[in-house]
Protein backbone atom coordinates (compact mmCIF):
# COMPACT_ATOMS: atom_id res chain seq x y z
CA UNK A 1 -0.33 129.87 -120.82
CA UNK A 2 0.00 133.17 -118.97
CA UNK A 3 2.54 131.83 -116.46
CA UNK A 4 4.93 130.22 -118.95
CA UNK A 5 7.35 133.12 -119.10
CA UNK A 6 7.27 133.66 -115.33
CA UNK A 7 8.01 129.99 -114.76
CA UNK A 8 10.87 129.99 -117.25
CA UNK A 9 12.32 133.13 -115.63
CA UNK A 10 12.31 131.39 -112.23
CA UNK A 11 14.38 128.42 -113.45
CA UNK A 12 17.37 127.59 -111.29
CA UNK A 13 19.50 126.41 -114.22
CA UNK A 14 21.27 128.87 -116.47
CA UNK A 15 20.17 127.69 -119.89
CA UNK A 16 16.74 127.67 -121.46
CA UNK A 17 15.26 124.30 -122.40
CA UNK A 18 15.40 123.21 -126.02
CA UNK A 19 11.74 122.16 -126.00
CA UNK A 20 8.70 122.99 -123.91
CA UNK A 21 5.94 120.40 -124.00
CA UNK A 22 2.45 121.50 -122.98
CA UNK A 23 -1.15 120.46 -123.41
CA UNK A 24 -3.75 122.09 -125.67
CA UNK A 25 -3.95 125.16 -123.44
CA UNK A 26 -0.45 126.13 -124.63
CA UNK A 27 -1.58 126.34 -128.27
CA UNK A 28 -0.76 129.98 -128.95
CA UNK A 29 1.06 131.35 -131.98
CA UNK A 30 2.27 134.51 -130.17
CA UNK A 31 3.70 132.41 -127.33
CA UNK A 32 5.34 130.07 -129.82
CA UNK A 33 6.99 132.95 -131.68
CA UNK A 34 8.10 134.66 -128.46
CA UNK A 35 9.69 131.50 -127.07
CA UNK A 36 11.37 130.77 -130.37
CA UNK A 37 12.80 134.26 -130.85
CA UNK A 38 13.75 135.22 -127.28
CA UNK A 39 14.74 131.89 -125.74
CA UNK A 40 15.27 129.62 -128.77
CA UNK A 41 12.83 127.14 -127.20
CA UNK A 42 10.54 125.05 -129.38
CA UNK A 43 6.95 124.83 -128.11
CA UNK A 44 5.35 121.42 -128.60
CA UNK A 45 1.60 121.45 -127.99
CA UNK A 46 -1.27 119.89 -129.93
CA UNK A 47 -3.65 122.29 -131.62
CA UNK A 48 -7.04 123.06 -130.15
CA UNK A 49 -10.03 121.68 -132.01
CA UNK A 50 -11.51 125.14 -132.63
CA UNK A 51 -8.31 126.61 -134.08
CA UNK A 52 -9.05 129.16 -136.80
CA UNK A 53 -5.53 129.56 -138.24
CA UNK A 54 -3.67 127.00 -140.31
CA UNK A 55 -1.85 124.30 -138.32
CA UNK A 56 1.78 124.95 -137.49
CA UNK A 57 2.69 121.59 -135.90
CA UNK A 58 3.33 118.41 -137.78
CA UNK A 59 3.25 114.86 -136.48
CA UNK A 60 7.00 114.56 -135.93
CA UNK A 61 7.15 117.03 -133.05
CA UNK A 62 3.96 115.71 -131.48
CA UNK A 63 5.55 112.28 -130.99
CA UNK A 64 7.36 113.79 -128.02
CA UNK A 65 4.03 114.97 -126.63
CA UNK A 66 2.67 111.43 -126.70
CA UNK A 67 5.39 110.29 -124.29
CA UNK A 68 4.44 112.98 -121.76
CA UNK A 69 2.07 110.56 -120.00
CA UNK A 70 5.02 108.77 -118.39
CA UNK A 71 5.91 111.82 -116.32
CA UNK A 72 2.29 112.55 -115.43
CA UNK A 73 1.76 108.94 -114.40
CA UNK A 74 4.71 109.17 -111.99
CA UNK A 75 3.23 112.27 -110.37
CA UNK A 76 -0.13 110.52 -110.05
CA UNK A 77 1.53 107.55 -108.36
CA UNK A 78 3.42 109.86 -106.01
CA UNK A 79 0.08 111.33 -104.90
CA UNK A 80 -0.71 107.97 -103.33
CA UNK A 81 1.78 108.82 -100.59
CA UNK A 82 0.01 111.14 -98.18
CA UNK A 83 3.23 112.38 -96.66
CA UNK A 84 4.24 113.83 -100.04
CA UNK A 85 0.85 115.35 -100.85
CA UNK A 86 0.42 117.09 -97.51
CA UNK A 87 4.15 117.81 -97.20
CA UNK A 88 4.67 117.13 -93.53
CA UNK A 89 8.40 117.68 -93.91
CA UNK A 90 9.63 121.17 -93.12
CA UNK A 91 13.11 120.84 -94.60
CA UNK A 92 13.63 120.41 -98.34
CA UNK A 93 16.27 117.70 -97.85
CA UNK A 94 13.86 115.53 -95.85
CA UNK A 95 11.11 116.07 -98.42
CA UNK A 96 13.48 115.13 -101.26
CA UNK A 97 14.40 111.98 -99.35
CA UNK A 98 10.75 110.97 -99.11
CA UNK A 99 10.21 111.72 -102.81
CA UNK A 100 13.15 109.46 -103.64
CA UNK A 101 11.79 106.81 -101.27
CA UNK A 102 8.38 107.05 -102.96
CA UNK A 103 9.98 106.68 -106.40
CA UNK A 104 11.88 103.63 -105.16
CA UNK A 105 8.68 102.04 -103.84
CA UNK A 106 6.92 102.73 -107.16
CA UNK A 107 9.84 101.20 -109.05
CA UNK A 108 9.82 98.08 -106.89
CA UNK A 109 6.04 97.65 -107.07
CA UNK A 110 5.67 98.02 -110.81
CA UNK A 111 8.83 96.72 -112.36
CA UNK A 112 10.13 93.96 -110.12
């Protein structure tokens, strides 16, 4: 949670995202208010089990959180390629090419 603002400041695109989806560690009312007021970004994170304050999220926004597993599954599958995990490639263009090749292999293995 402490690196959210630093990460958003280091974005290479000009606009702030409409939504930020995080896990239970992102459940913070001050962070939610700060993102909403300064960046107009909605924070979507399920509440912690030991939350003392009243819930602020309803089920409609958390439906987006449930689809987050698709992205995490892709990253887990990409970790099967040692060349990507260790990052043997020095140049970013070559590394991007191997990431795209890995995504193509994953696509061919699982969907065709």
